[in-house]
Amino acid sequence: MIRAIADATPATIVHIGCDPASFARDLQLLREHGYGVREMVALDAFPGTHHFECLALLEPGEASP
């Protein structure tokens, strides 16, 4: 799926995930396709579990410092 999204070359990608490990994996794959994280936020919608909602805004190019 990541390859299909990256091949479509969108100007912006909004990625949402609830598992930190798979979210990090997906962000790395998107970085390998030339996208950088511009903004990111984590929300604890389900306290007491290992899950938290992660939202990231990605754009082509390197991540902002």
PDB file of N, CA and C in Angstrom:
ATOM      1  N   MET A   1       0.817  -1.180   0.000  1.00  0.00           N
ATOM      2  CA  MET A   1       0.000   0.000   0.000  1.00  0.00           C
ATOM      3  C   MET A   1       0.868   1.253   0.000  1.00  0.00           C
ATOM      4  N   ILE A   2       1.944   1.229   0.781  1.00  0.00           N
ATOM      5  CA  ILE A   2       2.838   2.385   0.857  1.00  0.00           C
ATOM      6  C   ILE A   2       3.396   2.702  -0.524  1.00  0.00           C
ATOM      7  N   ARG A   3       3.814   1.680  -1.242  1.00  0.00           N
ATOM      8  CA  ARG A   3       4.370   1.901  -2.587  1.00  0.00           C
ATOM      9  C   ARG A   3       3.328   2.521  -3.506  1.00  0.00           C
ATOM     10  N   ALA A   4       2.097   2.031  -3.468  1.00  0.00           N
ATOM     11  CA  ALA A   4       1.036   2.571  -4.321  1.00  0.00           C
ATOM     12  C   ALA A   4       0.767   4.036  -3.993  1.00  0.00           C
ATOM     13  N   ILE A   5       0.755   4.359  -2.717  1.00  0.00           N
ATOM     14  CA  ILE A   5       0.536   5.754  -2.310  1.00  0.00           C
ATOM     15  C   ILE A   5       1.693   6.616  -2.803  1.00  0.00           C
ATOM     16  N   ALA A   6       2.919   6.186  -2.541  1.00  0.00           N
ATOM     17  CA  ALA A   6       4.094   6.965  -2.949  1.00  0.00           C
ATOM     18  C   ALA A   6       4.174   7.100  -4.468  1.00  0.00           C
ATOM     19  N   ASP A   7       3.826   6.048  -5.204  1.00  0.00           N
ATOM     20  CA  ASP A   7       3.862   6.101  -6.663  1.00  0.00           C
ATOM     21  C   ASP A   7       2.855   7.105  -7.233  1.00  0.00           C
ATOM     22  N   ALA A   8       1.799   7.389  -6.472  1.00  0.00           N
ATOM     23  CA  ALA A   8       0.810   8.382  -6.901  1.00  0.00           C
ATOM     24  C   ALA A   8       1.318   9.808  -6.689  1.00  0.00           C
ATOM     25  N   THR A   9       2.446   9.946  -6.003  1.00  0.00           N
ATOM     26  CA  THR A   9       3.117  11.213  -5.703  1.00  0.00           C
ATOM     27  C   THR A   9       2.183  12.316  -5.195  1.00  0.00           C
ATOM     28  N   PRO A  10       1.436  12.035  -4.131  1.00  0.00           N
ATOM     29  CA  PRO A  10       0.598  13.095  -3.568  1.00  0.00           C
ATOM     30  C   PRO A  10       1.458  14.190  -2.944  1.00  0.00           C
ATOM     31  N   ALA A  11       0.952  15.413  -2.930  1.00  0.00           N
ATOM     32  CA  ALA A  11       1.677  16.538  -2.339  1.00  0.00           C
ATOM     33  C   ALA A  11       1.692  16.441  -0.815  1.00  0.00           C
ATOM     34  N   THR A  12       0.696  15.780  -0.256  1.00  0.00           N
ATOM     35  CA  THR A  12       0.583  15.629   1.197  1.00  0.00           C
ATOM     36  C   THR A  12      -0.006  14.264   1.505  1.00  0.00           C
ATOM     37  N   ILE A  13       0.515  13.635   2.554  1.00  0.00           N
ATOM     38  CA  ILE A  13      -0.041  12.381   3.058  1.00  0.00           C
ATOM     39  C   ILE A  13      -0.368  12.597   4.527  1.00  0.00           C
ATOM     40  N   VAL A  14      -1.579  12.222   4.924  1.00  0.00           N
ATOM     41  CA  VAL A  14      -1.955  12.217   6.338  1.00  0.00           C
ATOM     42  C   VAL A  14      -2.041  10.751   6.730  1.00  0.00           C
ATOM     43  N   HIS A  15      -1.156  10.349   7.638  1.00  0.00           N
ATOM     44  CA  HIS A  15      -1.112   8.947   8.065  1.00  0.00           C
ATOM     45  C   HIS A  15      -1.618   8.864   9.493  1.00  0.00           C
ATOM     46  N   ILE A  16      -2.554   7.934   9.735  1.00  0.00           N
ATOM     47  CA  ILE A  16      -3.144   7.741  11.052  1.00  0.00           C
ATOM     48  C   ILE A  16      -2.962   6.283  11.430  1.00  0.00           C
ATOM     49  N   GLY A  17      -2.521   6.037  12.652  1.00  0.00           N
ATOM     50  CA  GLY A  17      -2.347   4.669  13.115  1.00  0.00           C
ATOM     51  C   GLY A  17      -2.568   4.558  14.605  1.00  0.00           C
ATOM     52  N   CYS A  18      -2.854   3.332  15.072  1.00  0.00           N
ATOM     53  CA  CYS A  18      -3.101   3.131  16.496  1.00  0.00           C
ATOM     54  C   CYS A  18      -2.064   2.235  17.164  1.00  0.00           C
ATOM     55  N   ASP A  19      -1.145   1.695  16.393  1.00  0.00           N
ATOM     56  CA  ASP A  19      -0.096   0.846  16.964  1.00  0.00           C
ATOM     57  C   ASP A  19       1.256   1.495  16.679  1.00  0.00           C
ATOM     58  N   PRO A  20       1.988   1.888  17.721  1.00  0.00           N
ATOM     59  CA  PRO A  20       3.235   2.620  17.507  1.00  0.00           C
ATOM     60  C   PRO A  20       4.261   1.876  16.641  1.00  0.00           C
ATOM     61  N   ALA A  21       4.334   0.564  16.772  1.00  0.00           N
ATOM     62  CA  ALA A  21       5.331  -0.193  16.005  1.00  0.00           C
ATOM     63  C   ALA A  21       5.026  -0.165  14.509  1.00  0.00           C
ATOM     64  N   SER A  22       3.782  -0.430  14.130  1.00  0.00           N
ATOM     65  CA  SER A  22       3.447  -0.420  12.706  1.00  0.00           C
ATOM     66  C   SER A  22       3.450   1.007  12.156  1.00  0.00           C
ATOM     67  N   PHE A  23       3.099   1.985  12.977  1.00  0.00           N
ATOM     68  CA  PHE A  23       3.143   3.383  12.558  1.00  0.00           C
ATOM     69  C   PHE A  23       4.588   3.778  12.230  1.00  0.00           C
ATOM     70  N   ALA A  24       5.522   3.419  13.106  1.00  0.00           N
ATOM     71  CA  ALA A  24       6.940   3.725  12.877  1.00  0.00           C
ATOM     72  C   ALA A  24       7.446   3.023  11.622  1.00  0.00           C
ATOM     73  N   ARG A  25       7.040   1.778  11.437  1.00  0.00           N
ATOM     74  CA  ARG A  25       7.439   1.031  10.230  1.00  0.00           C
ATOM     75  C   ARG A  25       6.951   1.747   8.973  1.00  0.00           C
ATOM     76  N   ASP A  26       5.681   2.164   8.985  1.00  0.00           N
ATOM     77  CA  ASP A  26       5.118   2.844   7.822  1.00  0.00           C
ATOM     78  C   ASP A  26       5.813   4.172   7.557  1.00  0.00           C
ATOM     79  N   LEU A  27       6.125   4.922   8.616  1.00  0.00           N
ATOM     80  CA  LEU A  27       6.835   6.194   8.429  1.00  0.00           C
ATOM     81  C   LEU A  27       8.198   5.965   7.804  1.00  0.00           C
ATOM     82  N   GLN A  28       8.889   4.920   8.224  1.00  0.00           N
ATOM     83  CA  GLN A  28      10.199   4.612   7.638  1.00  0.00           C
ATOM     84  C   GLN A  28      10.060   4.278   6.158  1.00  0.00           C
ATOM     85  N   LEU A  29       9.051   3.492   5.816  1.00  0.00           N
ATOM     86  CA  LEU A  29       8.830   3.147   4.407  1.00  0.00           C
ATOM     87  C   LEU A  29       8.516   4.395   3.584  1.00  0.00           C
ATOM     88  N   LEU A  30       7.715   5.298   4.137  1.00  0.00           N
ATOM     89  CA  LEU A  30       7.408   6.538   3.426  1.00  0.00           C
ATOM     90  C   LEU A  30       8.654   7.401   3.271  1.00  0.00           C
ATOM     91  N   ARG A  31       9.514   7.417   4.288  1.00  0.00           N
ATOM     92  CA  ARG A  31      10.786   8.150   4.175  1.00  0.00           C
ATOM     93  C   ARG A  31      11.627   7.574   3.043  1.00  0.00           C
ATOM     94  N   GLU A  32      11.649   6.267   2.915  1.00  0.00           N
ATOM     95  CA  GLU A  32      12.408   5.615   1.845  1.00  0.00           C
ATOM     96  C   GLU A  32      11.862   5.979   0.468  1.00  0.00           C
ATOM     97  N   HIS A  33      10.614   6.404   0.410  1.00  0.00           N
ATOM     98  CA  HIS A  33       9.998   6.840  -0.849  1.00  0.00           C
ATOM     99  C   HIS A  33      10.051   8.353  -1.006  1.00  0.00           C
ATOM    100  N   GLY A  34      10.828   9.028  -0.155  1.00  0.00           N
ATOM    101  CA  GLY A  34      11.063  10.453  -0.343  1.00  0.00           C
ATOM    102  C   GLY A  34      10.164  11.399   0.427  1.00  0.00           C
ATOM    103  N   TYR A  35       9.399  10.889   1.380  1.00  0.00           N
ATOM    104  CA  TYR A  35       8.517  11.749   2.171  1.00  0.00           C
ATOM    105  C   TYR A  35       9.121  12.001   3.549  1.00  0.00           C
ATOM    106  N   GLY A  36       8.922  13.216   4.043  1.00  0.00           N
ATOM    107  CA  GLY A  36       9.390  13.576   5.370  1.00  0.00           C
ATOM    108  C   GLY A  36       8.222  14.004   6.241  1.00  0.00           C
ATOM    109  N   VAL A  37       8.352  13.785   7.535  1.00  0.00           N
ATOM    110  CA  VAL A  37       7.310  14.173   8.488  1.00  0.00           C
ATOM    111  C   VAL A  37       7.407  15.673   8.732  1.00  0.00           C
ATOM    112  N   ARG A  38       6.319  16.377   8.509  1.00  0.00           N
ATOM    113  CA  ARG A  38       6.258  17.824   8.763  1.00  0.00           C
ATOM    114  C   ARG A  38       5.669  18.107  10.134  1.00  0.00           C
ATOM    115  N   GLU A  39       4.668  17.337  10.525  1.00  0.00           N
ATOM    116  CA  GLU A  39       4.048  17.470  11.845  1.00  0.00           C
ATOM    117  C   GLU A  39       3.597  16.098  12.297  1.00  0.00           C
ATOM    118  N   MET A  40       3.599  15.910  13.627  1.00  0.00           N
ATOM    119  CA  MET A  40       3.138  14.643  14.175  1.00  0.00           C
ATOM    120  C   MET A  40       2.552  14.888  15.560  1.00  0.00           C
ATOM    121  N   VAL A  41       1.505  14.135  15.884  1.00  0.00           N
ATOM    122  CA  VAL A  41       0.890  14.228  17.200  1.00  0.00           C
ATOM    123  C   VAL A  41       0.460  12.826  17.632  1.00  0.00           C
ATOM    124  N   ALA A  42       0.528  12.578  18.936  1.00  0.00           N
ATOM    125  CA  ALA A  42       0.061  11.313  19.505  1.00  0.00           C
ATOM    126  C   ALA A  42      -1.038  11.619  20.514  1.00  0.00           C
ATOM    127  N   LEU A  43      -2.109  10.840  20.462  1.00  0.00           N
ATOM    128  CA  LEU A  43      -3.250  11.016  21.347  1.00  0.00           C
ATOM    129  C   LEU A  43      -3.519   9.711  22.078  1.00  0.00           C
ATOM    130  N   ASP A  44      -3.706   9.784  23.390  1.00  0.00           N
ATOM    131  CA  ASP A  44      -3.994   8.593  24.176  1.00  0.00           C
ATOM    132  C   ASP A  44      -5.508   8.448  24.312  1.00  0.00           C
ATOM    133  N   ALA A  45      -6.145   7.916  23.288  1.00  0.00           N
ATOM    134  CA  ALA A  45      -7.598   7.773  23.275  1.00  0.00           C
ATOM    135  C   ALA A  45      -8.074   6.578  24.107  1.00  0.00           C
ATOM    136  N   PHE A  46      -7.175   5.641  24.377  1.00  0.00           N
ATOM    137  CA  PHE A  46      -7.533   4.440  25.126  1.00  0.00           C
ATOM    138  C   PHE A  46      -6.553   4.232  26.278  1.00  0.00           C
ATOM    139  N   PRO A  47      -6.659   5.029  27.339  1.00  0.00           N
ATOM    140  CA  PRO A  47      -5.741   4.895  28.480  1.00  0.00           C
ATOM    141  C   PRO A  47      -5.771   3.468  29.033  1.00  0.00           C
ATOM    142  N   GLY A  48      -4.628   3.042  29.519  1.00  0.00           N
ATOM    143  CA  GLY A  48      -4.527   1.713  30.099  1.00  0.00           C
ATOM    144  C   GLY A  48      -4.177   0.630  29.091  1.00  0.00           C
ATOM    145  N   THR A  49      -4.013   0.985  27.814  1.00  0.00           N
ATOM    146  CA  THR A  49      -3.589   0.012  26.801  1.00  0.00           C
ATOM    147  C   THR A  49      -2.270   0.497  26.195  1.00  0.00           C
ATOM    148  N   HIS A  50      -1.632  -0.362  25.435  1.00  0.00           N
ATOM    149  CA  HIS A  50      -0.374   0.041  24.789  1.00  0.00           C
ATOM    150  C   HIS A  50      -0.625   0.840  23.511  1.00  0.00           C
ATOM    151  N   HIS A  51      -1.879   0.951  23.123  1.00  0.00           N
ATOM    152  CA  HIS A  51      -2.222   1.679  21.902  1.00  0.00           C
ATOM    153  C   HIS A  51      -2.371   3.167  22.171  1.00  0.00           C
ATOM    154  N   PHE A  52      -1.951   3.947  21.213  1.00  0.00           N
ATOM    155  CA  PHE A  52      -2.284   5.366  21.189  1.00  0.00           C
ATOM    156  C   PHE A  52      -2.368   5.787  19.737  1.00  0.00           C
ATOM    157  N   GLU A  53      -3.213   6.748  19.476  1.00  0.00           N
ATOM    158  CA  GLU A  53      -3.429   7.199  18.108  1.00  0.00           C
ATOM    159  C   GLU A  53      -2.300   8.127  17.694  1.00  0.00           C
ATOM    160  N   CYS A  54      -1.734   7.879  16.534  1.00  0.00           N
ATOM    161  CA  CYS A  54      -0.653   8.690  15.989  1.00  0.00           C
ATOM    162  C   CYS A  54      -1.138   9.295  14.675  1.00  0.00           C
ATOM    163  N   LEU A  55      -0.887  10.574  14.520  1.00  0.00           N
ATOM    164  CA  LEU A  55      -1.233  11.260  13.278  1.00  0.00           C
ATOM    165  C   LEU A  55       0.012  11.960  12.783  1.00  0.00           C
ATOM    166  N   ALA A  56       0.293  11.813  11.490  1.00  0.00           N
ATOM    167  CA  ALA A  56       1.474  12.469  10.911  1.00  0.00           C
ATOM    168  C   ALA A  56       1.101  13.095   9.571  1.00  0.00           C
ATOM    169  N   LEU A  57       1.637  14.267   9.343  1.00  0.00           N
ATOM    170  CA  LEU A  57       1.524  14.962   8.070  1.00  0.00           C
ATOM    171  C   LEU A  57       2.871  14.810   7.375  1.00  0.00           C
ATOM    172  N   LEU A  58       2.854  14.213   6.197  1.00  0.00           N
ATOM    173  CA  LEU A  58       4.082  13.980   5.433  1.00  0.00           C
ATOM    174  C   LEU A  58       4.007  14.717   4.115  1.00  0.00           C
ATOM    175  N   GLU A  59       5.173  15.210   3.687  1.00  0.00           N
ATOM    176  CA  GLU A  59       5.308  15.878   2.397  1.00  0.00           C
ATOM    177  C   GLU A  59       6.616  15.425   1.751  1.00  0.00           C
ATOM    178  N   PRO A  60       6.719  15.566   0.444  1.00  0.00           N
ATOM    179  CA  PRO A  60       7.969  15.186  -0.211  1.00  0.00           C
ATOM    180  C   PRO A  60       9.136  15.991   0.359  1.00  0.00           C
ATOM    181  N   GLY A  61      10.273  15.353   0.509  1.00  0.00           N
ATOM    182  CA  GLY A  61      11.472  16.021   1.018  1.00  0.00           C
ATOM    183  C   GLY A  61      11.813  15.571   2.411  1.00  0.00           C
ATOM    184  N   GLU A  62      12.866  16.179   2.929  1.00  0.00           N
ATOM    185  CA  GLU A  62      13.357  15.831   4.263  1.00  0.00           C
ATOM    186  C   GLU A  62      12.438  16.359   5.352  1.00  0.00           C
ATOM    187  N   ALA A  63      12.503  15.712   6.492  1.00  0.00           N
ATOM    188  CA  ALA A  63      11.716  16.136   7.648  1.00  0.00           C
ATOM    189  C   ALA A  63      12.220  17.478   8.166  1.00  0.00           C
ATOM    190  N   SER A  64      11.332  18.236   8.758  1.00  0.00           N
ATOM    191  CA  SER A  64      11.720  19.506   9.376  1.00  0.00           C
ATOM    192  C   SER A  64      12.529  19.240  10.634  1.00  0.00           C
ATOM    193  N   PRO A  65      13.494  20.106  10.942  1.00  0.00           N
ATOM    194  CA  PRO A  65      14.281  19.890  12.164  1.00  0.00           C
ATOM    195  C   PRO A  65      13.461  20.066  13.418  1.00  0.00           C
TER     196      PRO A  65
END
